[in-house]
PDB file of N, CA and C in Angstrom:
ATOM      1  N   UNK A   1       8.202  23.327  -8.316  1.00  0.00           N
ATOM      2  CA  UNK A   1       7.416  24.461  -7.902  1.00  0.00           C
ATOM      3  C   UNK A   1       6.375  24.091  -6.861  1.00  0.00           C
ATOM      4  N   UNK A   2       5.890  22.880  -6.918  1.00  0.00           N
ATOM      5  CA  UNK A   2       4.855  22.458  -5.977  1.00  0.00           C
ATOM      6  C   UNK A   2       5.451  21.680  -4.823  1.00  0.00           C
ATOM      7  N   UNK A   3       4.784  21.767  -3.713  1.00  0.00           N
ATOM      8  CA  UNK A   3       5.122  20.931  -2.567  1.00  0.00           C
ATOM      9  C   UNK A   3       3.824  20.497  -1.913  1.00  0.00           C
ATOM     10  N   UNK A   4       3.896  19.450  -1.144  1.00  0.00           N
ATOM     11  CA  UNK A   4       2.704  18.899  -0.510  1.00  0.00           C
ATOM     12  C   UNK A   4       2.033  19.974   0.345  1.00  0.00           C
ATOM     13  N   UNK A   5       0.727  20.128   0.138  1.00  0.00           N
ATOM     14  CA  UNK A   5      -0.047  21.095   0.903  1.00  0.00           C
ATOM     15  C   UNK A   5      -0.169  22.464   0.265  1.00  0.00           C
ATOM     16  N   UNK A   6       0.600  22.737  -0.794  1.00  0.00           N
ATOM     17  CA  UNK A   6       0.519  24.031  -1.467  1.00  0.00           C
ATOM     18  C   UNK A   6      -0.710  24.049  -2.357  1.00  0.00           C
ATOM     19  N   UNK A   7      -1.479  25.117  -2.278  1.00  0.00           N
ATOM     20  CA  UNK A   7      -2.701  25.212  -3.068  1.00  0.00           C
ATOM     21  C   UNK A   7      -2.415  25.810  -4.438  1.00  0.00           C
ATOM     22  N   UNK A   8      -3.060  25.215  -5.468  1.00  0.00           N
ATOM     23  CA  UNK A   8      -2.944  25.716  -6.834  1.00  0.00           C
ATOM     24  C   UNK A   8      -4.310  25.669  -7.501  1.00  0.00           C
ATOM     25  N   UNK A   9      -4.481  26.523  -8.491  1.00  0.00           N
ATOM     26  CA  UNK A   9      -5.665  26.516  -9.345  1.00  0.00           C
ATOM     27  C   UNK A   9      -5.168  26.099 -10.720  1.00  0.00           C
ATOM     28  N   UNK A  10      -5.810  25.086 -11.316  1.00  0.00           N
ATOM     29  CA  UNK A  10      -5.362  24.549 -12.607  1.00  0.00           C
ATOM     30  C   UNK A  10      -6.504  24.618 -13.607  1.00  0.00           C
ATOM     31  N   UNK A  11      -6.223  25.168 -14.815  1.00  0.00           N
ATOM     32  CA  UNK A  11      -7.166  25.130 -15.936  1.00  0.00           C
ATOM     33  C   UNK A  11      -6.533  24.290 -17.027  1.00  0.00           C
ATOM     34  N   UNK A  12      -7.349  23.484 -17.669  1.00  0.00           N
ATOM     35  CA  UNK A  12      -6.823  22.664 -18.750  1.00  0.00           C
ATOM     36  C   UNK A  12      -7.832  21.622 -19.178  1.00  0.00           C
ATOM     37  N   UNK A  13      -7.325  20.456 -19.543  1.00  0.00           N
ATOM     38  CA  UNK A  13      -8.209  19.395 -20.005  1.00  0.00           C
ATOM     39  C   UNK A  13      -7.658  18.053 -19.543  1.00  0.00           C
ATOM     40  N   UNK A  14      -8.544  17.059 -19.555  1.00  0.00           N
ATOM     41  CA  UNK A  14      -8.138  15.690 -19.270  1.00  0.00           C
ATOM     42  C   UNK A  14      -7.920  14.975 -20.592  1.00  0.00           C
ATOM     43  N   UNK A  15      -6.899  14.154 -20.654  1.00  0.00           N
ATOM     44  CA  UNK A  15      -6.573  13.407 -21.868  1.00  0.00           C
ATOM     45  C   UNK A  15      -6.402  11.951 -21.484  1.00  0.00           C
ATOM     46  N   UNK A  16      -7.085  11.065 -22.183  1.00  0.00           N
ATOM     47  CA  UNK A  16      -7.005   9.638 -21.895  1.00  0.00           C
ATOM     48  C   UNK A  16      -6.261   8.933 -23.016  1.00  0.00           C
ATOM     49  N   UNK A  17      -5.344   8.048 -22.627  1.00  0.00           N
ATOM     50  CA  UNK A  17      -4.592   7.277 -23.617  1.00  0.00           C
ATOM     51  C   UNK A  17      -4.719   5.794 -23.286  1.00  0.00           C
ATOM     52  N   UNK A  18      -4.611   4.968 -24.321  1.00  0.00           N
ATOM     53  CA  UNK A  18      -4.657   3.517 -24.164  1.00  0.00           C
ATOM     54  C   UNK A  18      -3.460   2.927 -24.889  1.00  0.00           C
ATOM     55  N   UNK A  19      -2.810   1.924 -24.271  1.00  0.00           N
ATOM     56  CA  UNK A  19      -1.688   1.260 -24.893  1.00  0.00           C
ATOM     57  C   UNK A  19      -1.587  -0.163 -24.368  1.00  0.00           C
ATOM     58  N   UNK A  20      -0.679  -0.936 -24.948  1.00  0.00           N
ATOM     59  CA  UNK A  20      -0.425  -2.298 -24.477  1.00  0.00           C
ATOM     60  C   UNK A  20       0.942  -2.334 -23.821  1.00  0.00           C
ATOM     61  N   UNK A  21       1.011  -2.972 -22.640  1.00  0.00           N
ATOM     62  CA  UNK A  21       2.301  -3.087 -21.970  1.00  0.00           C
ATOM     63  C   UNK A  21       3.108  -4.232 -22.582  1.00  0.00           C
ATOM     64  N   UNK A  22       4.282  -4.486 -22.031  1.00  0.00           N
ATOM     65  CA  UNK A  22       5.185  -5.509 -22.585  1.00  0.00           C
ATOM     66  C   UNK A  22       4.588  -6.911 -22.553  1.00  0.00           C
ATOM     67  N   UNK A  23       3.687  -7.154 -21.602  1.00  0.00           N
ATOM     68  CA  UNK A  23       3.043  -8.461 -21.495  1.00  0.00           C
ATOM     69  C   UNK A  23       1.794  -8.563 -22.361  1.00  0.00           C
ATOM     70  N   UNK A  24       1.449  -7.503 -23.092  1.00  0.00           N
ATOM     71  CA  UNK A  24       0.293  -7.517 -23.975  1.00  0.00           C
ATOM     72  C   UNK A  24      -1.022  -7.116 -23.328  1.00  0.00           C
ATOM     73  N   UNK A  25      -0.977  -6.655 -22.073  1.00  0.00           N
ATOM     74  CA  UNK A  25      -2.194  -6.207 -21.384  1.00  0.00           C
ATOM     75  C   UNK A  25      -2.554  -4.787 -21.816  1.00  0.00           C
ATOM     76  N   UNK A  26      -3.864  -4.534 -21.980  1.00  0.00           N
ATOM     77  CA  UNK A  26      -4.320  -3.178 -22.299  1.00  0.00           C
ATOM     78  C   UNK A  26      -4.202  -2.310 -21.055  1.00  0.00           C
ATOM     79  N   UNK A  27      -3.642  -1.122 -21.218  1.00  0.00           N
ATOM     80  CA  UNK A  27      -3.491  -0.179 -20.117  1.00  0.00           C
ATOM     81  C   UNK A  27      -4.109   1.155 -20.529  1.00  0.00           C
ATOM     82  N   UNK A  28      -4.650   1.853 -19.556  1.00  0.00           N
ATOM     83  CA  UNK A  28      -5.208   3.184 -19.776  1.00  0.00           C
ATOM     84  C   UNK A  28      -4.595   4.153 -18.785  1.00  0.00           C
ATOM     85  N   UNK A  29      -4.461   5.384 -19.192  1.00  0.00           N
ATOM     86  CA  UNK A  29      -4.016   6.426 -18.283  1.00  0.00           C
ATOM     87  C   UNK A  29      -4.781   7.699 -18.595  1.00  0.00           C
ATOM     88  N   UNK A  30      -5.030   8.473 -17.583  1.00  0.00           N
ATOM     89  CA  UNK A  30      -5.665   9.774 -17.749  1.00  0.00           C
ATOM     90  C   UNK A  30      -4.679  10.827 -17.274  1.00  0.00           C
ATOM     91  N   UNK A  31      -4.420  11.813 -18.116  1.00  0.00           N
ATOM     92  CA  UNK A  31      -3.452  12.861 -17.803  1.00  0.00           C
ATOM     93  C   UNK A  31      -4.155  14.201 -17.708  1.00  0.00           C
ATOM     94  N   UNK A  32      -3.648  15.064 -16.855  1.00  0.00           N
ATOM     95  CA  UNK A  32      -4.115  16.440 -16.773  1.00  0.00           C
ATOM     96  C   UNK A  32      -3.175  17.270 -17.631  1.00  0.00           C
ATOM     97  N   UNK A  33      -3.710  17.906 -18.668  1.00  0.00           N
ATOM     98  CA  UNK A  33      -2.922  18.773 -19.528  1.00  0.00           C
ATOM     99  C   UNK A  33      -3.253  20.203 -19.104  1.00  0.00           C
ATOM    100  N   UNK A  34      -2.357  20.797 -18.342  1.00  0.00           N
ATOM    101  CA  UNK A  34      -2.595  22.127 -17.773  1.00  0.00           C
ATOM    102  C   UNK A  34      -2.224  23.209 -18.777  1.00  0.00           C
ATOM    103  N   UNK A  35      -3.119  24.172 -18.938  1.00  0.00           N
ATOM    104  CA  UNK A  35      -2.860  25.329 -19.798  1.00  0.00           C
ATOM    105  C   UNK A  35      -2.557  26.557 -18.956  1.00  0.00           C
ATOM    106  N   UNK A  36      -3.095  26.585 -17.741  1.00  0.00           N
ATOM    107  CA  UNK A  36      -2.922  27.736 -16.864  1.00  0.00           C
ATOM    108  C   UNK A  36      -2.866  27.230 -15.425  1.00  0.00           C
ATOM    109  N   UNK A  37      -1.848  27.671 -14.706  1.00  0.00           N
ATOM    110  CA  UNK A  37      -1.695  27.298 -13.304  1.00  0.00           C
ATOM    111  C   UNK A  37      -1.500  28.572 -12.498  1.00  0.00           C
ATOM    112  N   UNK A  38      -2.248  28.688 -11.425  1.00  0.00           N
ATOM    113  CA  UNK A  38      -2.078  29.827 -10.519  1.00  0.00           C
ATOM    114  C   UNK A  38      -1.697  29.261  -9.160  1.00  0.00           C
ATOM    115  N   UNK A  39      -0.508  29.649  -8.678  1.00  0.00           N
ATOM    116  CA  UNK A  39      -0.061  29.246  -7.354  1.00  0.00           C
ATOM    117  C   UNK A  39      -0.721  30.194  -6.362  1.00  0.00           C
ATOM    118  N   UNK A  40      -1.492  29.642  -5.444  1.00  0.00           N
ATOM    119  CA  UNK A  40      -2.224  30.445  -4.477  1.00  0.00           C
ATOM    120  C   UNK A  40      -1.392  30.626  -3.220  1.00  0.00           C
ATOM    121  N   UNK A  41      -1.540  31.768  -2.574  1.00  0.00           N
ATOM    122  CA  UNK A  41      -0.777  32.042  -1.361  1.00  0.00           C
ATOM    123  C   UNK A  41       0.633  32.489  -1.702  1.00  0.00           C
ATOM    124  N   UNK A  42       1.441  32.698  -0.675  1.00  0.00           N
ATOM    125  CA  UNK A  42       2.821  33.128  -0.895  1.00  0.00           C
ATOM    126  C   UNK A  42       3.724  31.915  -1.006  1.00  0.00           C
ATOM    127  N   UNK A  43       4.955  32.117  -1.500  1.00  0.00           N
ATOM    128  CA  UNK A  43       5.881  31.009  -1.741  1.00  0.00           C
ATOM    129  C   UNK A  43       6.201  30.238  -0.473  1.00  0.00           C
ATOM    130  N   UNK A  44       6.353  30.899   0.638  1.00  0.00           N
ATOM    131  CA  UNK A  44       6.723  30.227   1.868  1.00  0.00           C
ATOM    132  C   UNK A  44       5.543  29.853   2.737  1.00  0.00           C
ATOM    133  N   UNK A  45       4.364  29.937   2.191  1.00  0.00           N
ATOM    134  CA  UNK A  45       3.152  29.708   2.979  1.00  0.00           C
ATOM    135  C   UNK A  45       3.008  28.247   3.381  1.00  0.00           C
ATOM    136  N   UNK A  46       2.592  28.040   4.624  1.00  0.00           N
ATOM    137  CA  UNK A  46       2.289  26.697   5.109  1.00  0.00           C
ATOM    138  C   UNK A  46       0.965  26.250   4.507  1.00  0.00           C
ATOM    139  N   UNK A  47       0.626  24.970   4.588  1.00  0.00           N
ATOM    140  CA  UNK A  47      -0.646  24.495   4.065  1.00  0.00           C
ATOM    141  C   UNK A  47      -1.830  25.244   4.654  1.00  0.00           C
ATOM    142  N   UNK A  48      -2.885  25.395   3.857  1.00  0.00           N
ATOM    143  CA  UNK A  48      -4.083  26.105   4.301  1.00  0.00           C
ATOM    144  C   UNK A  48      -4.613  25.471   5.572  1.00  0.00           C
ATOM    145  N   UNK A  49      -5.096  26.301   6.480  1.00  0.00           N
ATOM    146  CA  UNK A  49      -5.599  25.808   7.743  1.00  0.00           C
ATOM    147  C   UNK A  49      -4.558  25.961   8.836  1.00  0.00           C
ATOM    148  N   UNK A  50      -3.286  25.928   8.471  1.00  0.00           N
ATOM    149  CA  UNK A  50      -2.231  26.079   9.461  1.00  0.00           C
ATOM    150  C   UNK A  50      -1.976  27.544   9.786  1.00  0.00           C
ATOM    151  N   UNK A  51      -2.174  28.419   8.778  1.00  0.00           N
ATOM    152  CA  UNK A  51      -1.888  29.830   9.006  1.00  0.00           C
ATOM    153  C   UNK A  51      -3.108  30.719   8.836  1.00  0.00           C
ATOM    154  N   UNK A  52      -4.192  30.217   8.254  1.00  0.00           N
ATOM    155  CA  UNK A  52      -5.366  31.057   8.056  1.00  0.00           C
ATOM    156  C   UNK A  52      -5.511  31.484   6.616  1.00  0.00           C
ATOM    157  N   UNK A  53      -5.705  32.781   6.393  1.00  0.00           N
ATOM    158  CA  UNK A  53      -5.995  33.305   5.054  1.00  0.00           C
ATOM    159  C   UNK A  53      -4.781  33.231   4.143  1.00  0.00           C
ATOM    160  N   UNK A  54      -5.055  33.036   2.840  1.00  0.00           N
ATOM    161  CA  UNK A  54      -3.998  32.978   1.829  1.00  0.00           C
ATOM    162  C   UNK A  54      -3.527  34.376   1.477  1.00  0.00           C
ATOM    163  N   UNK A  55      -2.265  34.475   1.089  1.00  0.00           N
ATOM    164  CA  UNK A  55      -1.702  35.758   0.687  1.00  0.00           C
ATOM    165  C   UNK A  55      -1.960  36.027  -0.775  1.00  0.00           C
ATOM    166  N   UNK A  56      -0.931  36.509  -1.505  1.00  0.00           N
ATOM    167  CA  UNK A  56      -1.071  36.827  -2.918  1.00  0.00           C
ATOM    168  C   UNK A  56      -1.103  35.580  -3.762  1.00  0.00           C
ATOM    169  N   UNK A  57      -0.988  35.752  -5.089  1.00  0.00           N
ATOM    170  CA  UNK A  57      -0.964  34.600  -5.980  1.00  0.00           C
ATOM    171  C   UNK A  57       0.022  34.855  -7.100  1.00  0.00           C
ATOM    172  N   UNK A  58       0.483  33.804  -7.713  1.00  0.00           N
ATOM    173  CA  UNK A  58       1.430  33.865  -8.812  1.00  0.00           C
ATOM    174  C   UNK A  58       0.878  33.020  -9.950  1.00  0.00           C
ATOM    175  N   UNK A  59       0.730  33.600 -11.145  1.00  0.00           N
ATOM    176  CA  UNK A  59       0.129  32.879 -12.265  1.00  0.00           C
ATOM    177  C   UNK A  59       1.188  32.448 -13.256  1.00  0.00           C
ATOM    178  N   UNK A  60       1.066  31.221 -13.745  1.00  0.00           N
ATOM    179  CA  UNK A  60       1.968  30.668 -14.753  1.00  0.00           C
ATOM    180  C   UNK A  60       1.108  30.113 -15.865  1.00  0.00           C
ATOM    181  N   UNK A  61       1.415  30.454 -17.125  1.00  0.00           N
ATOM    182  CA  UNK A  61       0.679  29.942 -18.267  1.00  0.00           C
ATOM    183  C   UNK A  61       1.602  29.050 -19.084  1.00  0.00           C
ATOM    184  N   UNK A  62       1.111  27.863 -19.456  1.00  0.00           N
ATOM    185  CA  UNK A  62       1.888  26.909 -20.227  1.00  0.00           C
ATOM    186  C   UNK A  62       1.255  26.710 -21.586  1.00  0.00           C
ATOM    187  N   UNK A  63       2.081  26.567 -22.594  1.00  0.00           N
ATOM    188  CA  UNK A  63       1.605  26.218 -23.928  1.00  0.00           C
ATOM    189  C   UNK A  63       1.822  24.722 -24.101  1.00  0.00           C
ATOM    190  N   UNK A  64       0.768  23.959 -24.378  1.00  0.00           N
ATOM    191  CA  UNK A  64       0.942  22.516 -24.536  1.00  0.00           C
ATOM    192  C   UNK A  64       1.818  22.200 -25.744  1.00  0.00           C
ATOM    193  N   UNK A  65       2.582  21.133 -25.641  1.00  0.00           N
ATOM    194  CA  UNK A  65       3.464  20.692 -26.718  1.00  0.00           C
ATOM    195  C   UNK A  65       2.720  19.663 -27.549  1.00  0.00           C
ATOM    196  N   UNK A  66       2.553  19.933 -28.829  1.00  0.00           N
ATOM    197  CA  UNK A  66       1.851  18.994 -29.714  1.00  0.00           C
ATOM    198  C   UNK A  66       2.679  17.743 -29.882  1.00  0.00           C
ATOM    199  N   UNK A  67       2.044  16.601 -29.675  1.00  0.00           N
ATOM    200  CA  UNK A  67       2.721  15.331 -29.876  1.00  0.00           C
ATOM    201  C   UNK A  67       3.725  14.983 -28.799  1.00  0.00           C
ATOM    202  N   UNK A  68       3.741  15.728 -27.706  1.00  0.00           N
ATOM    203  CA  UNK A  68       4.678  15.449 -26.626  1.00  0.00           C
ATOM    204  C   UNK A  68       4.348  14.146 -25.928  1.00  0.00           C
ATOM    205  N   UNK A  69       5.324  13.581 -25.289  1.00  0.00           N
ATOM    206  CA  UNK A  69       5.096  12.365 -24.516  1.00  0.00           C
ATOM    207  C   UNK A  69       5.950  12.400 -23.257  1.00  0.00           C
ATOM    208  N   UNK A  70       5.877  11.357 -22.459  1.00  0.00           N
ATOM    209  CA  UNK A  70       6.568  11.314 -21.183  1.00  0.00           C
ATOM    210  C   UNK A  70       8.086  11.454 -21.332  1.00  0.00           C
ATOM    211  N   UNK A  71       8.640  11.032 -22.447  1.00  0.00           N
ATOM    212  CA  UNK A  71      10.073  11.112 -22.636  1.00  0.00           C
ATOM    213  C   UNK A  71      10.537  12.549 -22.867  1.00  0.00           C
ATOM    214  N   UNK A  72       9.594  13.477 -23.143  1.00  0.00           N
ATOM    215  CA  UNK A  72       9.944  14.873 -23.321  1.00  0.00           C
ATOM    216  C   UNK A  72      10.131  15.589 -21.990  1.00  0.00           C
ATOM    217  N   UNK A  73       9.700  14.964 -20.892  1.00  0.00           N
ATOM    218  CA  UNK A  73       9.800  15.594 -19.584  1.00  0.00           C
ATOM    219  C   UNK A  73      11.245  15.536 -19.130  1.00  0.00           C
ATOM    220  N   UNK A  74      11.839  16.683 -18.715  1.00  0.00           N
ATOM    221  CA  UNK A  74      13.263  16.724 -18.419  1.00  0.00           C
ATOM    222  C   UNK A  74      13.671  16.166 -17.064  1.00  0.00           C
ATOM    223  N   UNK A  75      12.798  15.452 -16.363  1.00  0.00           N
ATOM    224  CA  UNK A  75      13.189  14.875 -15.065  1.00  0.00           C
ATOM    225  C   UNK A  75      12.731  13.451 -14.942  1.00  0.00           C
TER     226      UNK A  75
END
């Protein structure tokens, strides 16, 4: 749904996780858990600044998956 330069509005929370990699080093990651995303402008709109004012908007609401992890992502 997203492409480079497309503007979006995101509501949600930041989630930090800590784990050990295969070599035993501590690793941290911070994830954005989006609850609401609004795609700004029209679908075919060029990046802001190239065309001027933004058009309409399209809102998408996501329900977070409890206990989900990276392996649940279908790509």
